[in-house]
PDB file of N, CA and C in Angstrom:
ATOM      1  N   MET A   1      -9.552  10.027 -15.474  1.00  0.00           N
ATOM      2  CA  MET A   1     -10.756   9.855 -14.679  1.00  0.00           C
ATOM      3  C   MET A   1     -10.861  11.017 -13.694  1.00  0.00           C
ATOM      4  N   GLN A   2     -12.021  11.611 -13.643  1.00  0.00           N
ATOM      5  CA  GLN A   2     -12.222  12.768 -12.782  1.00  0.00           C
ATOM      6  C   GLN A   2     -12.738  12.303 -11.421  1.00  0.00           C
ATOM      7  N   LYS A   3     -12.175  12.883 -10.354  1.00  0.00           N
ATOM      8  CA  LYS A   3     -12.611  12.523  -9.008  1.00  0.00           C
ATOM      9  C   LYS A   3     -13.956  13.176  -8.718  1.00  0.00           C
ATOM     10  N   THR A   4     -14.806  12.446  -8.030  1.00  0.00           N
ATOM     11  CA  THR A   4     -16.093  13.005  -7.645  1.00  0.00           C
ATOM     12  C   THR A   4     -15.932  13.785  -6.354  1.00  0.00           C
ATOM     13  N   ILE A   5     -16.887  14.599  -6.053  1.00  0.00           N
ATOM     14  CA  ILE A   5     -16.859  15.403  -4.823  1.00  0.00           C
ATOM     15  C   ILE A   5     -16.870  14.483  -3.610  1.00  0.00           C
ATOM     16  N   GLU A   6     -17.625  13.376  -3.688  1.00  0.00           N
ATOM     17  CA  GLU A   6     -17.690  12.426  -2.570  1.00  0.00           C
ATOM     18  C   GLU A   6     -16.330  11.823  -2.273  1.00  0.00           C
ATOM     19  N   GLN A   7     -15.573  11.458  -3.312  1.00  0.00           N
ATOM     20  CA  GLN A   7     -14.242  10.891  -3.119  1.00  0.00           C
ATOM     21  C   GLN A   7     -13.318  11.897  -2.454  1.00  0.00           C
ATOM     22  N   ILE A   8     -13.384  13.144  -2.877  1.00  0.00           N
ATOM     23  CA  ILE A   8     -12.534  14.186  -2.296  1.00  0.00           C
ATOM     24  C   ILE A   8     -12.917  14.427  -0.845  1.00  0.00           C
ATOM     25  N   GLU A   9     -14.238  14.486  -0.553  1.00  0.00           N
ATOM     26  CA  GLU A   9     -14.704  14.702   0.816  1.00  0.00           C
ATOM     27  C   GLU A   9     -14.296  13.540   1.716  1.00  0.00           C
ATOM     28  N   THR A  10     -14.412  12.318   1.227  1.00  0.00           N
ATOM     29  CA  THR A  10     -14.042  11.140   2.008  1.00  0.00           C
ATOM     30  C   THR A  10     -12.557  11.167   2.340  1.00  0.00           C
ATOM     31  N   LYS A  11     -11.737  11.494   1.351  1.00  0.00           N
ATOM     32  CA  LYS A  11     -10.290  11.549   1.566  1.00  0.00           C
ATOM     33  C   LYS A  11      -9.933  12.616   2.598  1.00  0.00           C
ATOM     34  N   SER A  12     -10.558  13.776   2.518  1.00  0.00           N
ATOM     35  CA  SER A  12     -10.244  14.837   3.468  1.00  0.00           C
ATOM     36  C   SER A  12     -10.725  14.473   4.871  1.00  0.00           C
ATOM     37  N   LEU A  13     -11.866  13.793   4.981  1.00  0.00           N
ATOM     38  CA  LEU A  13     -12.344  13.356   6.299  1.00  0.00           C
ATOM     39  C   LEU A  13     -11.381  12.350   6.925  1.00  0.00           C
ATOM     40  N   LEU A  14     -10.868  11.421   6.122  1.00  0.00           N
ATOM     41  CA  LEU A  14      -9.909  10.448   6.637  1.00  0.00           C
ATOM     42  C   LEU A  14      -8.641  11.138   7.127  1.00  0.00           C
ATOM     43  N   GLN A  15      -8.179  12.125   6.376  1.00  0.00           N
ATOM     44  CA  GLN A  15      -6.977  12.848   6.774  1.00  0.00           C
ATOM     45  C   GLN A  15      -7.212  13.629   8.060  1.00  0.00           C
ATOM     46  N   LEU A  16      -8.384  14.230   8.222  1.00  0.00           N
ATOM     47  CA  LEU A  16      -8.687  15.003   9.421  1.00  0.00           C
ATOM     48  C   LEU A  16      -8.764  14.115  10.664  1.00  0.00           C
ATOM     49  N   ASN A  17      -9.232  12.891  10.492  1.00  0.00           N
ATOM     50  CA  ASN A  17      -9.432  11.989  11.630  1.00  0.00           C
ATOM     51  C   ASN A  17      -8.339  10.938  11.751  1.00  0.00           C
ATOM     52  N   GLU A  18      -7.194  11.161  11.153  1.00  0.00           N
ATOM     53  CA  GLU A  18      -6.104  10.185  11.146  1.00  0.00           C
ATOM     54  C   GLU A  18      -5.692   9.773  12.562  1.00  0.00           C
ATOM     55  N   GLU A  19      -5.621  10.721  13.489  1.00  0.00           N
ATOM     56  CA  GLU A  19      -5.172  10.396  14.848  1.00  0.00           C
ATOM     57  C   GLU A  19      -6.196   9.587  15.627  1.00  0.00           C
ATOM     58  N   LYS A  20      -7.441   9.601  15.217  1.00  0.00           N
ATOM     59  CA  LYS A  20      -8.503   8.861  15.903  1.00  0.00           C
ATOM     60  C   LYS A  20      -8.637   7.432  15.392  1.00  0.00           C
ATOM     61  N   ARG A  21      -8.049   7.144  14.233  1.00  0.00           N
ATOM     62  CA  ARG A  21      -8.203   5.839  13.614  1.00  0.00           C
ATOM     63  C   ARG A  21      -7.336   4.796  14.308  1.00  0.00           C
ATOM     64  N   THR A  22      -7.818   3.554  14.312  1.00  0.00           N
ATOM     65  CA  THR A  22      -7.055   2.447  14.870  1.00  0.00           C
ATOM     66  C   THR A  22      -6.808   1.407  13.782  1.00  0.00           C
ATOM     67  N   LYS A  23      -5.745   0.640  13.950  1.00  0.00           N
ATOM     68  CA  LYS A  23      -5.401  -0.384  12.975  1.00  0.00           C
ATOM     69  C   LYS A  23      -6.378  -1.549  13.097  1.00  0.00           C
ATOM     70  N   CYS A  24      -6.846  -2.022  11.971  1.00  0.00           N
ATOM     71  CA  CYS A  24      -7.784  -3.135  11.926  1.00  0.00           C
ATOM     72  C   CYS A  24      -7.038  -4.381  11.446  1.00  0.00           C
ATOM     73  N   LEU A  25      -7.077  -5.441  12.233  1.00  0.00           N
ATOM     74  CA  LEU A  25      -6.447  -6.696  11.833  1.00  0.00           C
ATOM     75  C   LEU A  25      -7.490  -7.600  11.188  1.00  0.00           C
ATOM     76  N   VAL A  26      -7.133  -8.165  10.058  1.00  0.00           N
ATOM     77  CA  VAL A  26      -8.015  -9.095   9.354  1.00  0.00           C
ATOM     78  C   VAL A  26      -7.498 -10.502   9.614  1.00  0.00           C
ATOM     79  N   TYR A  27      -8.353 -11.361  10.140  1.00  0.00           N
ATOM     80  CA  TYR A  27      -7.988 -12.749  10.406  1.00  0.00           C
ATOM     81  C   TYR A  27      -8.654 -13.646   9.378  1.00  0.00           C
ATOM     82  N   THR A  28      -7.997 -14.740   9.063  1.00  0.00           N
ATOM     83  CA  THR A  28      -8.586 -15.736   8.183  1.00  0.00           C
ATOM     84  C   THR A  28      -8.244 -17.123   8.723  1.00  0.00           C
ATOM     85  N   ARG A  29      -9.057 -18.079   8.379  1.00  0.00           N
ATOM     86  CA  ARG A  29      -8.862 -19.439   8.872  1.00  0.00           C
ATOM     87  C   ARG A  29      -7.880 -20.159   7.956  1.00  0.00           C
ATOM     88  N   VAL A  30      -6.806 -20.660   8.544  1.00  0.00           N
ATOM     89  CA  VAL A  30      -5.784 -21.384   7.799  1.00  0.00           C
ATOM     90  C   VAL A  30      -5.488 -22.683   8.524  1.00  0.00           C
ATOM     91  N   MET A  31      -5.691 -23.787   7.836  1.00  0.00           N
ATOM     92  CA  MET A  31      -5.367 -25.116   8.386  1.00  0.00           C
ATOM     93  C   MET A  31      -5.975 -25.341   9.766  1.00  0.00           C
ATOM     94  N   GLY A  32      -7.222 -24.924   9.956  1.00  0.00           N
ATOM     95  CA  GLY A  32      -7.935 -25.223  11.190  1.00  0.00           C
ATOM     96  C   GLY A  32      -7.796 -24.198  12.298  1.00  0.00           C
ATOM     97  N   TYR A  33      -7.048 -23.125  12.087  1.00  0.00           N
ATOM     98  CA  TYR A  33      -6.960 -22.089  13.119  1.00  0.00           C
ATOM     99  C   TYR A  33      -6.915 -20.719  12.453  1.00  0.00           C
ATOM    100  N   HIS A  34      -7.158 -19.676  13.222  1.00  0.00           N
ATOM    101  CA  HIS A  34      -7.226 -18.319  12.690  1.00  0.00           C
ATOM    102  C   HIS A  34      -5.886 -17.611  12.843  1.00  0.00           C
ATOM    103  N   ARG A  35      -5.472 -16.928  11.772  1.00  0.00           N
ATOM    104  CA  ARG A  35      -4.221 -16.167  11.771  1.00  0.00           C
ATOM    105  C   ARG A  35      -4.466 -14.804  11.151  1.00  0.00           C
ATOM    106  N   PRO A  36      -3.739 -13.777  11.607  1.00  0.00           N
ATOM    107  CA  PRO A  36      -3.885 -12.473  10.960  1.00  0.00           C
ATOM    108  C   PRO A  36      -3.223 -12.486   9.585  1.00  0.00           C
ATOM    109  N   VAL A  37      -3.882 -11.903   8.607  1.00  0.00           N
ATOM    110  CA  VAL A  37      -3.369 -11.849   7.245  1.00  0.00           C
ATOM    111  C   VAL A  37      -2.051 -11.079   7.219  1.00  0.00           C
ATOM    112  N   GLU A  38      -1.904 -10.131   8.122  1.00  0.00           N
ATOM    113  CA  GLU A  38      -0.690  -9.315   8.217  1.00  0.00           C
ATOM    114  C   GLU A  38       0.574 -10.159   8.381  1.00  0.00           C
ATOM    115  N   SER A  39       0.447 -11.322   9.015  1.00  0.00           N
ATOM    116  CA  SER A  39       1.624 -12.147   9.276  1.00  0.00           C
ATOM    117  C   SER A  39       1.961 -13.106   8.131  1.00  0.00           C
ATOM    118  N   PHE A  40       1.160 -13.102   7.057  1.00  0.00           N
ATOM    119  CA  PHE A  40       1.411 -13.981   5.914  1.00  0.00           C
ATOM    120  C   PHE A  40       2.637 -13.531   5.129  1.00  0.00           C
ATOM    121  N   ASN A  41       3.255 -14.471   4.412  1.00  0.00           N
ATOM    122  CA  ASN A  41       4.341 -14.103   3.503  1.00  0.00           C
ATOM    123  C   ASN A  41       3.732 -13.518   2.220  1.00  0.00           C
ATOM    124  N   ILE A  42       4.556 -13.021   1.323  1.00  0.00           N
ATOM    125  CA  ILE A  42       4.084 -12.327   0.122  1.00  0.00           C
ATOM    126  C   ILE A  42       3.165 -13.207  -0.727  1.00  0.00           C
ATOM    127  N   GLY A  43       3.536 -14.453  -0.917  1.00  0.00           N
ATOM    128  CA  GLY A  43       2.731 -15.357  -1.734  1.00  0.00           C
ATOM    129  C   GLY A  43       1.367 -15.622  -1.139  1.00  0.00           C
ATOM    130  N   LYS A  44       1.327 -15.828   0.159  1.00  0.00           N
ATOM    131  CA  LYS A  44       0.058 -16.114   0.831  1.00  0.00           C
ATOM    132  C   LYS A  44      -0.849 -14.882   0.824  1.00  0.00           C
ATOM    133  N   LYS A  45      -0.256 -13.677   0.965  1.00  0.00           N
ATOM    134  CA  LYS A  45      -1.053 -12.450   0.897  1.00  0.00           C
ATOM    135  C   LYS A  45      -1.683 -12.294  -0.478  1.00  0.00           C
ATOM    136  N   GLY A  46      -0.918 -12.612  -1.533  1.00  0.00           N
ATOM    137  CA  GLY A  46      -1.438 -12.544  -2.892  1.00  0.00           C
ATOM    138  C   GLY A  46      -2.573 -13.523  -3.094  1.00  0.00           C
ATOM    139  N   GLU A  47      -2.409 -14.723  -2.558  1.00  0.00           N
ATOM    140  CA  GLU A  47      -3.452 -15.744  -2.656  1.00  0.00           C
ATOM    141  C   GLU A  47      -4.718 -15.278  -1.943  1.00  0.00           C
ATOM    142  N   HIS A  48      -4.555 -14.640  -0.794  1.00  0.00           N
ATOM    143  CA  HIS A  48      -5.699 -14.152  -0.023  1.00  0.00           C
ATOM    144  C   HIS A  48      -6.458 -13.070  -0.796  1.00  0.00           C
ATOM    145  N   LYS A  49      -5.747 -12.180  -1.495  1.00  0.00           N
ATOM    146  CA  LYS A  49      -6.388 -11.115  -2.280  1.00  0.00           C
ATOM    147  C   LYS A  49      -7.185 -11.682  -3.442  1.00  0.00           C
ATOM    148  N   GLN A  50      -6.772 -12.829  -3.975  1.00  0.00           N
ATOM    149  CA  GLN A  50      -7.450 -13.422  -5.130  1.00  0.00           C
ATOM    150  C   GLN A  50      -8.700 -14.209  -4.750  1.00  0.00           C
ATOM    151  N   ARG A  51      -8.901 -14.455  -3.478  1.00  0.00           N
ATOM    152  CA  ARG A  51     -10.068 -15.229  -3.055  1.00  0.00           C
ATOM    153  C   ARG A  51     -11.355 -14.474  -3.365  1.00  0.00           C
ATOM    154  N   THR A  52     -12.407 -15.234  -3.625  1.00  0.00           N
ATOM    155  CA  THR A  52     -13.716 -14.655  -3.883  1.00  0.00           C
ATOM    156  C   THR A  52     -14.469 -14.601  -2.568  1.00  0.00           C
ATOM    157  N   HIS A  53     -14.902 -13.399  -2.192  1.00  0.00           N
ATOM    158  CA  HIS A  53     -15.661 -13.219  -0.949  1.00  0.00           C
ATOM    159  C   HIS A  53     -17.147 -13.233  -1.280  1.00  0.00           C
ATOM    160  N   PHE A  54     -17.945 -13.813  -0.420  1.00  0.00           N
ATOM    161  CA  PHE A  54     -19.378 -13.890  -0.648  1.00  0.00           C
ATOM    162  C   PHE A  54     -20.115 -13.711   0.670  1.00  0.00           C
ATOM    163  N   ALA A  55     -21.366 -13.354   0.565  1.00  0.00           N
ATOM    164  CA  ALA A  55     -22.217 -13.204   1.743  1.00  0.00           C
ATOM    165  C   ALA A  55     -23.338 -14.235   1.642  1.00  0.00           C
ATOM    166  N   GLU A  56     -23.628 -14.884   2.760  1.00  0.00           N
ATOM    167  CA  GLU A  56     -24.699 -15.880   2.767  1.00  0.00           C
ATOM    168  C   GLU A  56     -26.052 -15.222   2.825  1.00  0.00           C
TER     169      GLU A  56
END
C-alpha cells in the first residue's frame, strides 16, 4: 500500500509538534461511574476496543 502525501504530511506535522502535545485521557462509564480506560486491565481494554461507537 502506497502512502498518500496527506498521510506523510500529517505524520511530519505530528513529529514537529510533539513537545506541544498533551496526553488525552479517555473515560468510559463502568458500573455507574466513570473511569479512565488507561486504568483497565488487558481484557477490559480489549472489550472496550470491540465496542461499537455511534453518534445520536
